Amino acid sequence: MRFVLLASLGGAIGSGLRAAVGLWLPFPWGTFAVNVLGSFAIGLLAVPLLMAERGPHPVAPFVVAGVLGGFTTFSAFSLDTLRLIEAGRIGLALLYVGASVALSLLAGAFGLALARAAP
């Protein structure tokens, strides 16, 4: 039950942050930005929070499942892509999908590498 409560509280924060970014950046770049930033953050935080020698850190459910789970969203990414396709913007939709996947993976790998290199 503690895991669910921590994840829920973090999710409220992450969702609020995602909504704020969506207001700040025009469609579809808000979702793009949160997916790339969230991938970087989870890579950076995975080592100290999930891969610690003593097991997961007690705040991992709040940060990883909660804040970052609420912040990033594949469902919004999918809807944004479908909206671009329906609007006849096939080229932009393909660019958006390719750039989102590639940059999110690179951001996650970069964050993970930084976390592993930290003293």
PDB file of N, CA and C in Angstrom:
ATOM      1  N   MET A   1       0.818  -1.190   0.000  1.00  0.00           N
ATOM      2  CA  MET A   1       0.000   0.000   0.000  1.00  0.00           C
ATOM      3  C   MET A   1       0.871   1.266   0.000  1.00  0.00           C
ATOM      4  N   ARG A   2       1.997   1.215   0.687  1.00  0.00           N
ATOM      5  CA  ARG A   2       2.910   2.365   0.743  1.00  0.00           C
ATOM      6  C   ARG A   2       3.399   2.716  -0.665  1.00  0.00           C
ATOM      7  N   PHE A   3       3.727   1.697  -1.469  1.00  0.00           N
ATOM      8  CA  PHE A   3       4.200   1.907  -2.838  1.00  0.00           C
ATOM      9  C   PHE A   3       3.152   2.678  -3.634  1.00  0.00           C
ATOM     10  N   VAL A   4       1.904   2.249  -3.549  1.00  0.00           N
ATOM     11  CA  VAL A   4       0.826   2.879  -4.313  1.00  0.00           C
ATOM     12  C   VAL A   4       0.622   4.325  -3.866  1.00  0.00           C
ATOM     13  N   LEU A   5       0.666   4.566  -2.573  1.00  0.00           N
ATOM     14  CA  LEU A   5       0.491   5.923  -2.071  1.00  0.00           C
ATOM     15  C   LEU A   5       1.620   6.837  -2.541  1.00  0.00           C
ATOM     16  N   LEU A   6       2.856   6.367  -2.430  1.00  0.00           N
ATOM     17  CA  LEU A   6       4.001   7.170  -2.876  1.00  0.00           C
ATOM     18  C   LEU A   6       3.936   7.427  -4.381  1.00  0.00           C
ATOM     19  N   ALA A   7       3.616   6.390  -5.157  1.00  0.00           N
ATOM     20  CA  ALA A   7       3.521   6.554  -6.612  1.00  0.00           C
ATOM     21  C   ALA A   7       2.397   7.525  -6.979  1.00  0.00           C
ATOM     22  N   SER A   8       1.292   7.454  -6.265  1.00  0.00           N
ATOM     23  CA  SER A   8       0.167   8.353  -6.541  1.00  0.00           C
ATOM     24  C   SER A   8       0.511   9.810  -6.249  1.00  0.00           C
ATOM     25  N   LEU A   9       1.165  10.047  -5.124  1.00  0.00           N
ATOM     26  CA  LEU A   9       1.569  11.414  -4.788  1.00  0.00           C
ATOM     27  C   LEU A   9       2.565  11.961  -5.812  1.00  0.00           C
ATOM     28  N   GLY A  10       3.533  11.149  -6.180  1.00  0.00           N
ATOM     29  CA  GLY A  10       4.500  11.566  -7.195  1.00  0.00           C
ATOM     30  C   GLY A  10       3.842  11.777  -8.545  1.00  0.00           C
ATOM     31  N   GLY A  11       2.869  10.918  -8.871  1.00  0.00           N
ATOM     32  CA  GLY A  11       2.165  11.032 -10.146  1.00  0.00           C
ATOM     33  C   GLY A  11       1.414  12.351 -10.271  1.00  0.00           C
ATOM     34  N   ALA A  12       0.850  12.820  -9.166  1.00  0.00           N
ATOM     35  CA  ALA A  12       0.156  14.112  -9.190  1.00  0.00           C
ATOM     36  C   ALA A  12       1.131  15.232  -9.540  1.00  0.00           C
ATOM     37  N   ILE A  13       2.322  15.167  -8.981  1.00  0.00           N
ATOM     38  CA  ILE A  13       3.339  16.186  -9.278  1.00  0.00           C
ATOM     39  C   ILE A  13       3.794  16.082 -10.726  1.00  0.00           C
ATOM     40  N   GLY A  14       4.100  14.854 -11.163  1.00  0.00           N
ATOM     41  CA  GLY A  14       4.558  14.648 -12.535  1.00  0.00           C
ATOM     42  C   GLY A  14       3.526  15.059 -13.564  1.00  0.00           C
ATOM     43  N   SER A  15       2.261  14.747 -13.312  1.00  0.00           N
ATOM     44  CA  SER A  15       1.191  15.132 -14.237  1.00  0.00           C
ATOM     45  C   SER A  15       1.038  16.644 -14.310  1.00  0.00           C
ATOM     46  N   GLY A  16       1.163  17.299 -13.166  1.00  0.00           N
ATOM     47  CA  GLY A  16       1.097  18.761 -13.151  1.00  0.00           C
ATOM     48  C   GLY A  16       2.234  19.381 -13.939  1.00  0.00           C
ATOM     49  N   LEU A  17       3.420  18.824 -13.772  1.00  0.00           N
ATOM     50  CA  LEU A  17       4.573  19.322 -14.533  1.00  0.00           C
ATOM     51  C   LEU A  17       4.379  19.101 -16.029  1.00  0.00           C
ATOM     52  N   ARG A  18       3.848  17.924 -16.399  1.00  0.00           N
ATOM     53  CA  ARG A  18       3.598  17.640 -17.817  1.00  0.00           C
ATOM     54  C   ARG A  18       2.594  18.621 -18.390  1.00  0.00           C
ATOM     55  N   ALA A  19       1.534  18.914 -17.639  1.00  0.00           N
ATOM     56  CA  ALA A  19       0.529  19.876 -18.112  1.00  0.00           C
ATOM     57  C   ALA A  19       1.142  21.259 -18.294  1.00  0.00           C
ATOM     58  N   ALA A  20       2.016  21.647 -17.376  1.00  0.00           N
ATOM     59  CA  ALA A  20       2.668  22.960 -17.476  1.00  0.00           C
ATOM     60  C   ALA A  20       3.540  23.044 -18.721  1.00  0.00           C
ATOM     61  N   VAL A  21       4.295  21.995 -19.004  1.00  0.00           N
ATOM     62  CA  VAL A  21       5.137  21.989 -20.199  1.00  0.00           C
ATOM     63  C   VAL A  21       4.262  22.041 -21.447  1.00  0.00           C
ATOM     64  N   GLY A  22       3.117  21.335 -21.415  1.00  0.00           N
ATOM     65  CA  GLY A  22       2.192  21.360 -22.549  1.00  0.00           C
ATOM     66  C   GLY A  22       1.621  22.738 -22.815  1.00  0.00           C
ATOM     67  N   LEU A  23       1.471  23.533 -21.777  1.00  0.00           N
ATOM     68  CA  LEU A  23       1.008  24.909 -21.954  1.00  0.00           C
ATOM     69  C   LEU A  23       2.118  25.819 -22.458  1.00  0.00           C
ATOM     70  N   TRP A  24       3.331  25.501 -22.080  1.00  0.00           N
ATOM     71  CA  TRP A  24       4.483  26.336 -22.417  1.00  0.00           C
ATOM     72  C   TRP A  24       4.953  26.117 -23.855  1.00  0.00           C
ATOM     73  N   LEU A  25       4.919  24.854 -24.317  1.00  0.00           N
ATOM     74  CA  LEU A  25       5.390  24.522 -25.669  1.00  0.00           C
ATOM     75  C   LEU A  25       4.207  24.179 -26.568  1.00  0.00           C
ATOM     76  N   PRO A  26       4.227  24.609 -27.821  1.00  0.00           N
ATOM     77  CA  PRO A  26       3.116  24.325 -28.726  1.00  0.00           C
ATOM     78  C   PRO A  26       3.048  22.842 -29.104  1.00  0.00           C
ATOM     79  N   PHE A  27       1.853  22.394 -29.477  1.00  0.00           N
ATOM     80  CA  PHE A  27       1.629  21.032 -29.961  1.00  0.00           C
ATOM     81  C   PHE A  27       2.532  20.749 -31.142  1.00  0.00           C
ATOM     82  N   PRO A  28       3.166  19.586 -31.259  1.00  0.00           N
ATOM     83  CA  PRO A  28       3.223  18.446 -30.352  1.00  0.00           C
ATOM     84  C   PRO A  28       4.489  18.445 -29.498  1.00  0.00           C
ATOM     85  N   TRP A  29       5.164  19.582 -29.403  1.00  0.00           N
ATOM     86  CA  TRP A  29       6.501  19.610 -28.804  1.00  0.00           C
ATOM     87  C   TRP A  29       6.512  19.507 -27.288  1.00  0.00           C
ATOM     88  N   GLY A  30       5.392  19.765 -26.638  1.00  0.00           N
ATOM     89  CA  GLY A  30       5.333  19.578 -25.190  1.00  0.00           C
ATOM     90  C   GLY A  30       5.521  18.116 -24.811  1.00  0.00           C
ATOM     91  N   THR A  31       4.788  17.228 -25.498  1.00  0.00           N
ATOM     92  CA  THR A  31       4.923  15.790 -25.236  1.00  0.00           C
ATOM     93  C   THR A  31       6.318  15.312 -25.611  1.00  0.00           C
ATOM     94  N   PHE A  32       6.821  15.799 -26.727  1.00  0.00           N
ATOM     95  CA  PHE A  32       8.180  15.450 -27.161  1.00  0.00           C
ATOM     96  C   PHE A  32       9.195  15.814 -26.076  1.00  0.00           C
ATOM     97  N   ALA A  33       9.083  17.036 -25.553  1.00  0.00           N
ATOM     98  CA  ALA A  33      10.038  17.503 -24.544  1.00  0.00           C
ATOM     99  C   ALA A  33       9.956  16.680 -23.262  1.00  0.00           C
ATOM    100  N   VAL A  34       8.732  16.383 -22.785  1.00  0.00           N
ATOM    101  CA  VAL A  34       8.643  15.617 -21.543  1.00  0.00           C
ATOM    102  C   VAL A  34       9.153  14.197 -21.719  1.00  0.00           C
ATOM    103  N   ASN A  35       8.943  13.611 -22.884  1.00  0.00           N
ATOM    104  CA  ASN A  35       9.450  12.251 -23.097  1.00  0.00           C
ATOM    105  C   ASN A  35      10.975  12.222 -23.125  1.00  0.00           C
ATOM    106  N   VAL A  36      11.601  13.197 -23.767  1.00  0.00           N
ATOM    107  CA  VAL A  36      13.070  13.242 -23.807  1.00  0.00           C
ATOM    108  C   VAL A  36      13.623  13.585 -22.422  1.00  0.00           C
ATOM    109  N   LEU A  37      13.074  14.606 -21.773  1.00  0.00           N
ATOM    110  CA  LEU A  37      13.546  14.984 -20.433  1.00  0.00           C
ATOM    111  C   LEU A  37      13.305  13.866 -19.418  1.00  0.00           C
ATOM    112  N   GLY A  38      12.150  13.235 -19.496  1.00  0.00           N
ATOM    113  CA  GLY A  38      11.840  12.139 -18.584  1.00  0.00           C
ATOM    114  C   GLY A  38      12.760  10.951 -18.793  1.00  0.00           C
ATOM    115  N   SER A  39      13.108  10.665 -20.046  1.00  0.00           N
ATOM    116  CA  SER A  39      14.039   9.571 -20.338  1.00  0.00           C
ATOM    117  C   SER A  39      15.417   9.869 -19.772  1.00  0.00           C
ATOM    118  N   PHE A  40      15.852  11.117 -19.898  1.00  0.00           N
ATOM    119  CA  PHE A  40      17.135  11.511 -19.318  1.00  0.00           C
ATOM    120  C   PHE A  40      17.091  11.361 -17.794  1.00  0.00           C
ATOM    121  N   ALA A  41      16.026  11.864 -17.188  1.00  0.00           N
ATOM    122  CA  ALA A  41      15.913  11.823 -15.730  1.00  0.00           C
ATOM    123  C   ALA A  41      15.885  10.395 -15.205  1.00  0.00           C
ATOM    124  N   ILE A  42      15.156   9.503 -15.877  1.00  0.00           N
ATOM    125  CA  ILE A  42      15.086   8.134 -15.381  1.00  0.00           C
ATOM    126  C   ILE A  42      16.429   7.427 -15.554  1.00  0.00           C
ATOM    127  N   GLY A  43      17.144   7.771 -16.628  1.00  0.00           N
ATOM    128  CA  GLY A  43      18.483   7.204 -16.784  1.00  0.00           C
ATOM    129  C   GLY A  43      19.419   7.698 -15.693  1.00  0.00           C
ATOM    130  N   LEU A  44      19.337   8.976 -15.396  1.00  0.00           N
ATOM    131  CA  LEU A  44      20.188   9.573 -14.375  1.00  0.00           C
ATOM    132  C   LEU A  44      19.867   9.035 -12.977  1.00  0.00           C
ATOM    133  N   LEU A  45      18.596   8.801 -12.702  1.00  0.00           N
ATOM    134  CA  LEU A  45      18.182   8.387 -11.368  1.00  0.00           C
ATOM    135  C   LEU A  45      18.104   6.872 -11.171  1.00  0.00           C
ATOM    136  N   ALA A  46      18.187   6.102 -12.256  1.00  0.00           N
ATOM    137  CA  ALA A  46      18.056   4.649 -12.131  1.00  0.00           C
ATOM    138  C   ALA A  46      19.150   4.046 -11.263  1.00  0.00           C
ATOM    139  N   VAL A  47      20.369   4.523 -11.410  1.00  0.00           N
ATOM    140  CA  VAL A  47      21.479   3.939 -10.644  1.00  0.00           C
ATOM    141  C   VAL A  47      21.297   4.174  -9.146  1.00  0.00           C
ATOM    142  N   PRO A  48      21.145   5.423  -8.690  1.00  0.00           N
ATOM    143  CA  PRO A  48      21.020   5.592  -7.246  1.00  0.00           C
ATOM    144  C   PRO A  48      19.689   5.105  -6.662  1.00  0.00           C
ATOM    145  N   LEU A  49      18.615   5.107  -7.456  1.00  0.00           N
ATOM    146  CA  LEU A  49      17.306   4.760  -6.905  1.00  0.00           C
ATOM    147  C   LEU A  49      16.895   3.305  -7.110  1.00  0.00           C
ATOM    148  N   LEU A  50      17.273   2.715  -8.233  1.00  0.00           N
ATOM    149  CA  LEU A  50      16.809   1.360  -8.537  1.00  0.00           C
ATOM    150  C   LEU A  50      17.905   0.311  -8.507  1.00  0.00           C
ATOM    151  N   MET A  51      19.123   0.707  -8.795  1.00  0.00           N
ATOM    152  CA  MET A  51      20.199  -0.265  -8.945  1.00  0.00           C
ATOM    153  C   MET A  51      21.216  -0.200  -7.813  1.00  0.00           C
ATOM    154  N   ALA A  52      20.819   0.320  -6.690  1.00  0.00           N
ATOM    155  CA  ALA A  52      21.730   0.414  -5.548  1.00  0.00           C
ATOM    156  C   ALA A  52      22.054  -0.985  -5.031  1.00  0.00           C
ATOM    157  N   GLU A  53      23.230  -1.137  -4.455  1.00  0.00           N
ATOM    158  CA  GLU A  53      23.653  -2.440  -3.946  1.00  0.00           C
ATOM    159  C   GLU A  53      22.718  -2.974  -2.874  1.00  0.00           C
ATOM    160  N   ARG A  54      22.095  -2.101  -2.122  1.00  0.00           N
ATOM    161  CA  ARG A  54      21.200  -2.517  -1.039  1.00  0.00           C
ATOM    162  C   ARG A  54      19.756  -2.674  -1.499  1.00  0.00           C
ATOM    163  N   GLY A  55      19.506  -2.596  -2.781  1.00  0.00           N
ATOM    164  CA  GLY A  55      18.142  -2.681  -3.293  1.00  0.00           C
ATOM    165  C   GLY A  55      17.588  -1.304  -3.588  1.00  0.00           C
ATOM    166  N   PRO A  56      16.355  -1.249  -4.063  1.00  0.00           N
ATOM    167  CA  PRO A  56      15.759   0.037  -4.417  1.00  0.00           C
ATOM    168  C   PRO A  56      15.699   1.000  -3.237  1.00  0.00           C
ATOM    169  N   HIS A  57      15.933   2.269  -3.507  1.00  0.00           N
ATOM    170  CA  HIS A  57      15.852   3.323  -2.502  1.00  0.00           C
ATOM    171  C   HIS A  57      14.385   3.507  -2.107  1.00  0.00           C
ATOM    172  N   PRO A  58      14.102   3.846  -0.854  1.00  0.00           N
ATOM    173  CA  PRO A  58      12.710   4.008  -0.414  1.00  0.00           C
ATOM    174  C   PRO A  58      11.904   5.056  -1.181  1.00  0.00           C
ATOM    175  N   VAL A  59      12.568   6.055  -1.778  1.00  0.00           N
ATOM    176  CA  VAL A  59      11.819   7.071  -2.526  1.00  0.00           C
ATOM    177  C   VAL A  59      11.615   6.685  -3.995  1.00  0.00           C
ATOM    178  N   ALA A  60      12.123   5.535  -4.409  1.00  0.00           N
ATOM    179  CA  ALA A  60      11.995   5.120  -5.810  1.00  0.00           C
ATOM    180  C   ALA A  60      10.550   5.094  -6.299  1.00  0.00           C
ATOM    181  N   PRO A  61       9.595   4.541  -5.541  1.00  0.00           N
ATOM    182  CA  PRO A  61       8.207   4.563  -6.044  1.00  0.00           C
ATOM    183  C   PRO A  61       7.684   5.980  -6.284  1.00  0.00           C
ATOM    184  N   PHE A  62       8.037   6.911  -5.394  1.00  0.00           N
ATOM    185  CA  PHE A  62       7.594   8.302  -5.534  1.00  0.00           C
ATOM    186  C   PHE A  62       8.204   8.944  -6.776  1.00  0.00           C
ATOM    187  N   VAL A  63       9.505   8.766  -6.971  1.00  0.00           N
ATOM    188  CA  VAL A  63      10.208   9.448  -8.063  1.00  0.00           C
ATOM    189  C   VAL A  63      10.009   8.739  -9.400  1.00  0.00           C
ATOM    190  N   VAL A  64      10.278   7.426  -9.438  1.00  0.00           N
ATOM    191  CA  VAL A  64      10.278   6.711 -10.718  1.00  0.00           C
ATOM    192  C   VAL A  64       8.862   6.411 -11.205  1.00  0.00           C
ATOM    193  N   ALA A  65       8.100   5.650 -10.426  1.00  0.00           N
ATOM    194  CA  ALA A  65       6.731   5.312 -10.852  1.00  0.00           C
ATOM    195  C   ALA A  65       5.819   6.531 -10.789  1.00  0.00           C
ATOM    196  N   GLY A  66       6.043   7.396  -9.792  1.00  0.00           N
ATOM    197  CA  GLY A  66       5.170   8.541  -9.591  1.00  0.00           C
ATOM    198  C   GLY A  66       5.497   9.742 -10.445  1.00  0.00           C
ATOM    199  N   VAL A  67       6.524  10.502 -10.038  1.00  0.00           N
ATOM    200  CA  VAL A  67       6.835  11.760 -10.729  1.00  0.00           C
ATOM    201  C   VAL A  67       7.153  11.516 -12.202  1.00  0.00           C
ATOM    202  N   LEU A  68       8.092  10.606 -12.475  1.00  0.00           N
ATOM    203  CA  LEU A  68       8.485  10.393 -13.873  1.00  0.00           C
ATOM    204  C   LEU A  68       7.407   9.662 -14.663  1.00  0.00           C
ATOM    205  N   GLY A  69       6.680   8.748 -14.012  1.00  0.00           N
ATOM    206  CA  GLY A  69       5.570   8.069 -14.689  1.00  0.00           C
ATOM    207  C   GLY A  69       4.452   9.032 -15.046  1.00  0.00           C
ATOM    208  N   GLY A  70       4.193   9.993 -14.157  1.00  0.00           N
ATOM    209  CA  GLY A  70       3.179  11.002 -14.441  1.00  0.00           C
ATOM    210  C   GLY A  70       3.655  12.061 -15.422  1.00  0.00           C
ATOM    211  N   PHE A  71       4.954  12.303 -15.438  1.00  0.00           N
ATOM    212  CA  PHE A  71       5.524  13.341 -16.300  1.00  0.00           C
ATOM    213  C   PHE A  71       5.580  12.899 -17.750  1.00  0.00           C
ATOM    214  N   THR A  72       6.076  11.702 -17.998  1.00  0.00           N
ATOM    215  CA  THR A  72       6.164  11.205 -19.375  1.00  0.00           C
ATOM    216  C   THR A  72       4.917  10.401 -19.689  1.00  0.00           C
ATOM    217  N   THR A  73       4.590  10.328 -20.956  1.00  0.00           N
ATOM    218  CA  THR A  73       3.387   9.593 -21.315  1.00  0.00           C
ATOM    219  C   THR A  73       3.436   9.119 -22.754  1.00  0.00           C
ATOM    220  N   PHE A  74       3.388   7.829 -22.911  1.00  0.00           N
ATOM    221  CA  PHE A  74       3.375   7.279 -24.259  1.00  0.00           C
ATOM    222  C   PHE A  74       2.008   7.445 -24.902  1.00  0.00           C
ATOM    223  N   SER A  75       0.970   7.445 -24.095  1.00  0.00           N
ATOM    224  CA  SER A  75      -0.374   7.595 -24.654  1.00  0.00           C
ATOM    225  C   SER A  75      -0.556   8.965 -25.308  1.00  0.00           C
ATOM    226  N   ALA A  76      -0.040  10.017 -24.680  1.00  0.00           N
ATOM    227  CA  ALA A  76      -0.129  11.349 -25.286  1.00  0.00           C
ATOM    228  C   ALA A  76       0.717  11.415 -26.549  1.00  0.00           C
ATOM    229  N   PHE A  77       1.873  10.781 -26.527  1.00  0.00           N
ATOM    230  CA  PHE A  77       2.731  10.702 -27.707  1.00  0.00           C
ATOM    231  C   PHE A  77       1.971  10.042 -28.862  1.00  0.00           C
ATOM    232  N   SER A  78       1.286   8.939 -28.570  1.00  0.00           N
ATOM    233  CA  SER A  78       0.525   8.228 -29.598  1.00  0.00           C
ATOM    234  C   SER A  78      -0.588   9.106 -30.158  1.00  0.00           C
ATOM    235  N   LEU A  79      -1.321   9.773 -29.274  1.00  0.00           N
ATOM    236  CA  LEU A  79      -2.409  10.644 -29.714  1.00  0.00           C
ATOM    237  C   LEU A  79      -1.881  11.813 -30.539  1.00  0.00           C
ATOM    238  N   ASP A  80      -0.788  12.417 -30.108  1.00  0.00           N
ATOM    239  CA  ASP A  80      -0.195  13.517 -30.877  1.00  0.00           C
ATOM    240  C   ASP A  80       0.163  13.055 -32.285  1.00  0.00           C
ATOM    241  N   THR A  81       0.753  11.865 -32.371  1.00  0.00           N
ATOM    242  CA  THR A  81       1.137  11.321 -33.684  1.00  0.00           C
ATOM    243  C   THR A  81      -0.088  11.098 -34.554  1.00  0.00           C
ATOM    244  N   LEU A  82      -1.135  10.521 -33.987  1.00  0.00           N
ATOM    245  CA  LEU A  82      -2.363  10.282 -34.754  1.00  0.00           C
ATOM    246  C   LEU A  82      -3.019  11.597 -35.188  1.00  0.00           C
ATOM    247  N   ARG A  83      -2.958  12.605 -34.340  1.00  0.00           N
ATOM    248  CA  ARG A  83      -3.516  13.921 -34.712  1.00  0.00           C
ATOM    249  C   ARG A  83      -2.742  14.519 -35.884  1.00  0.00           C
ATOM    250  N   LEU A  84      -1.429  14.363 -35.884  1.00  0.00           N
ATOM    251  CA  LEU A  84      -0.632  14.855 -37.015  1.00  0.00           C
ATOM    252  C   LEU A  84      -0.985  14.100 -38.295  1.00  0.00           C
ATOM    253  N   ILE A  85      -1.141  12.789 -38.188  1.00  0.00           N
ATOM    254  CA  ILE A  85      -1.502  11.978 -39.362  1.00  0.00           C
ATOM    255  C   ILE A  85      -2.873  12.382 -39.888  1.00  0.00           C
ATOM    256  N   GLU A  86      -3.841  12.523 -38.973  1.00  0.00           N
ATOM    257  CA  GLU A  86      -5.194  12.918 -39.387  1.00  0.00           C
ATOM    258  C   GLU A  86      -5.227  14.301 -40.018  1.00  0.00           C
ATOM    259  N   ALA A  87      -4.300  15.162 -39.608  1.00  0.00           N
ATOM    260  CA  ALA A  87      -4.221  16.507 -40.182  1.00  0.00           C
ATOM    261  C   ALA A  87      -3.474  16.501 -41.509  1.00  0.00           C
ATOM    262  N   GLY A  88      -3.045  15.313 -41.972  1.00  0.00           N
ATOM    263  CA  GLY A  88      -2.340  15.211 -43.241  1.00  0.00           C
ATOM    264  C   GLY A  88      -0.868  15.579 -43.154  1.00  0.00           C
ATOM    265  N   ARG A  89      -0.345  15.687 -41.964  1.00  0.00           N
ATOM    266  CA  ARG A  89       1.060  16.081 -41.769  1.00  0.00           C
ATOM    267  C   ARG A  89       1.908  14.826 -41.546  1.00  0.00           C
ATOM    268  N   ILE A  90       1.913  13.962 -42.545  1.00  0.00           N
ATOM    269  CA  ILE A  90       2.573  12.655 -42.447  1.00  0.00           C
ATOM    270  C   ILE A  90       4.077  12.816 -42.223  1.00  0.00           C
ATOM    271  N   GLY A  91       4.696  13.704 -42.956  1.00  0.00           N
ATOM    272  CA  GLY A  91       6.139  13.916 -42.800  1.00  0.00           C
ATOM    273  C   GLY A  91       6.501  14.353 -41.390  1.00  0.00           C
ATOM    274  N   LEU A  92       5.738  15.292 -40.841  1.00  0.00           N
ATOM    275  CA  LEU A  92       5.994  15.756 -39.480  1.00  0.00           C
ATOM    276  C   LEU A  92       5.728  14.632 -38.476  1.00  0.00           C
ATOM    277  N   ALA A  93       4.688  13.835 -38.731  1.00  0.00           N
ATOM    278  CA  ALA A  93       4.390  12.709 -37.839  1.00  0.00           C
ATOM    279  C   ALA A  93       5.554  11.722 -37.814  1.00  0.00           C
ATOM    280  N   LEU A  94       6.106  11.411 -38.980  1.00  0.00           N
ATOM    281  CA  LEU A  94       7.251  10.486 -39.037  1.00  0.00           C
ATOM    282  C   LEU A  94       8.479  11.079 -38.355  1.00  0.00           C
ATOM    283  N   LEU A  95       8.718  12.368 -38.571  1.00  0.00           N
ATOM    284  CA  LEU A  95       9.835  13.040 -37.908  1.00  0.00           C
ATOM    285  C   LEU A  95       9.636  13.028 -36.392  1.00  0.00           C
ATOM    286  N   TYR A  96       8.435  13.309 -35.959  1.00  0.00           N
ATOM    287  CA  TYR A  96       8.103  13.343 -34.532  1.00  0.00           C
ATOM    288  C   TYR A  96       8.325  11.978 -33.882  1.00  0.00           C
ATOM    289  N   VAL A  97       7.859  10.917 -34.526  1.00  0.00           N
ATOM    290  CA  VAL A  97       8.040   9.562 -33.983  1.00  0.00           C
ATOM    291  C   VAL A  97       9.517   9.200 -33.945  1.00  0.00           C
ATOM    292  N   GLY A  98      10.213   9.393 -35.048  1.00  0.00           N
ATOM    293  CA  GLY A  98      11.628   9.034 -35.106  1.00  0.00           C
ATOM    294  C   GLY A  98      12.469   9.820 -34.115  1.00  0.00           C
ATOM    295  N   ALA A  99      12.252  11.128 -34.066  1.00  0.00           N
ATOM    296  CA  ALA A  99      13.026  11.966 -33.156  1.00  0.00           C
ATOM    297  C   ALA A  99      12.680  11.662 -31.705  1.00  0.00           C
ATOM    298  N   SER A 100      11.408  11.429 -31.402  1.00  0.00           N
ATOM    299  CA  SER A 100      11.000  11.126 -30.024  1.00  0.00           C
ATOM    300  C   SER A 100      11.657   9.837 -29.534  1.00  0.00           C
ATOM    301  N   VAL A 101      11.591   8.798 -30.341  1.00  0.00           N
ATOM    302  CA  VAL A 101      12.166   7.513 -29.929  1.00  0.00           C
ATOM    303  C   VAL A 101      13.686   7.611 -29.828  1.00  0.00           C
ATOM    304  N   ALA A 102      14.322   8.144 -30.868  1.00  0.00           N
ATOM    305  CA  ALA A 102      15.787   8.208 -30.882  1.00  0.00           C
ATOM    306  C   ALA A 102      16.327   9.094 -29.756  1.00  0.00           C
ATOM    307  N   LEU A 103      15.780  10.300 -29.616  1.00  0.00           N
ATOM    308  CA  LEU A 103      16.298  11.212 -28.597  1.00  0.00           C
ATOM    309  C   LEU A 103      15.955  10.754 -27.183  1.00  0.00           C
ATOM    310  N   SER A 104      14.796  10.126 -26.992  1.00  0.00           N
ATOM    311  CA  SER A 104      14.460   9.608 -25.664  1.00  0.00           C
ATOM    312  C   SER A 104      15.400   8.477 -25.270  1.00  0.00           C
ATOM    313  N   LEU A 105      15.716   7.597 -26.203  1.00  0.00           N
ATOM    314  CA  LEU A 105      16.678   6.521 -25.910  1.00  0.00           C
ATOM    315  C   LEU A 105      18.062   7.079 -25.631  1.00  0.00           C
ATOM    316  N   LEU A 106      18.495   8.035 -26.441  1.00  0.00           N
ATOM    317  CA  LEU A 106      19.803   8.657 -26.215  1.00  0.00           C
ATOM    318  C   LEU A 106      19.843   9.408 -24.884  1.00  0.00           C
ATOM    319  N   ALA A 107      18.768  10.122 -24.558  1.00  0.00           N
ATOM    320  CA  ALA A 107      18.718  10.853 -23.291  1.00  0.00           C
ATOM    321  C   ALA A 107      18.768   9.893 -22.115  1.00  0.00           C
ATOM    322  N   GLY A 108      18.037   8.778 -22.202  1.00  0.00           N
ATOM    323  CA  GLY A 108      18.070   7.781 -21.140  1.00  0.00           C
ATOM    324  C   GLY A 108      19.453   7.177 -20.986  1.00  0.00           C
ATOM    325  N   ALA A 109      20.097   6.861 -22.094  1.00  0.00           N
ATOM    326  CA  ALA A 109      21.450   6.293 -22.048  1.00  0.00           C
ATOM    327  C   ALA A 109      22.446   7.301 -21.486  1.00  0.00           C
ATOM    328  N   PHE A 110      22.293   8.566 -21.853  1.00  0.00           N
ATOM    329  CA  PHE A 110      23.186   9.611 -21.353  1.00  0.00           C
ATOM    330  C   PHE A 110      23.023   9.789 -19.844  1.00  0.00           C
ATOM    331  N   GLY A 111      21.781   9.831 -19.387  1.00  0.00           N
ATOM    332  CA  GLY A 111      21.524   9.942 -17.955  1.00  0.00           C
ATOM    333  C   GLY A 111      22.077   8.760 -17.180  1.00  0.00           C
ATOM    334  N   LEU A 112      21.906   7.562 -17.718  1.00  0.00           N
ATOM    335  CA  LEU A 112      22.431   6.353 -17.081  1.00  0.00           C
ATOM    336  C   LEU A 112      23.953   6.395 -17.017  1.00  0.00           C
ATOM    337  N   ALA A 113      24.584   6.817 -18.109  1.00  0.00           N
ATOM    338  CA  ALA A 113      26.055   6.906 -18.136  1.00  0.00           C
ATOM    339  C   ALA A 113      26.565   7.940 -17.136  1.00  0.00           C
ATOM    340  N   LEU A 114      25.887   9.089 -17.039  1.00  0.00           N
ATOM    341  CA  LEU A 114      26.277  10.099 -16.065  1.00  0.00           C
ATOM    342  C   LEU A 114      26.149   9.573 -14.633  1.00  0.00           C
ATOM    343  N   ALA A 115      25.058   8.885 -14.367  1.00  0.00           N
ATOM    344  CA  ALA A 115      24.848   8.360 -13.021  1.00  0.00           C
ATOM    345  C   ALA A 115      25.901   7.310 -12.666  1.00  0.00           C
ATOM    346  N   ARG A 116      26.253   6.475 -13.608  1.00  0.00           N
ATOM    347  CA  ARG A 116      27.256   5.437 -13.345  1.00  0.00           C
ATOM    348  C   ARG A 116      28.645   6.018 -13.191  1.00  0.00           C
ATOM    349  N   ALA A 117      28.912   7.146 -13.827  1.00  0.00           N
ATOM    350  CA  ALA A 117      30.239   7.766 -13.759  1.00  0.00           C
ATOM    351  C   ALA A 117      30.416   8.629 -12.514  1.00  0.00           C
ATOM    352  N   ALA A 118      29.322   8.957 -11.859  1.00  0.00           N
ATOM    353  CA  ALA A 118      29.395   9.826 -10.688  1.00  0.00           C
ATOM    354  C   ALA A 118      30.093   9.096  -9.536  1.00  0.00           C
ATOM    355  N   PRO A 119      30.862   9.833  -8.758  1.00  0.00           N
ATOM    356  CA  PRO A 119      31.567   9.197  -7.625  1.00  0.00           C
ATOM    357  C   PRO A 119      30.628   8.751  -6.528  1.00  0.00           C
TER     358      PRO A 119
END
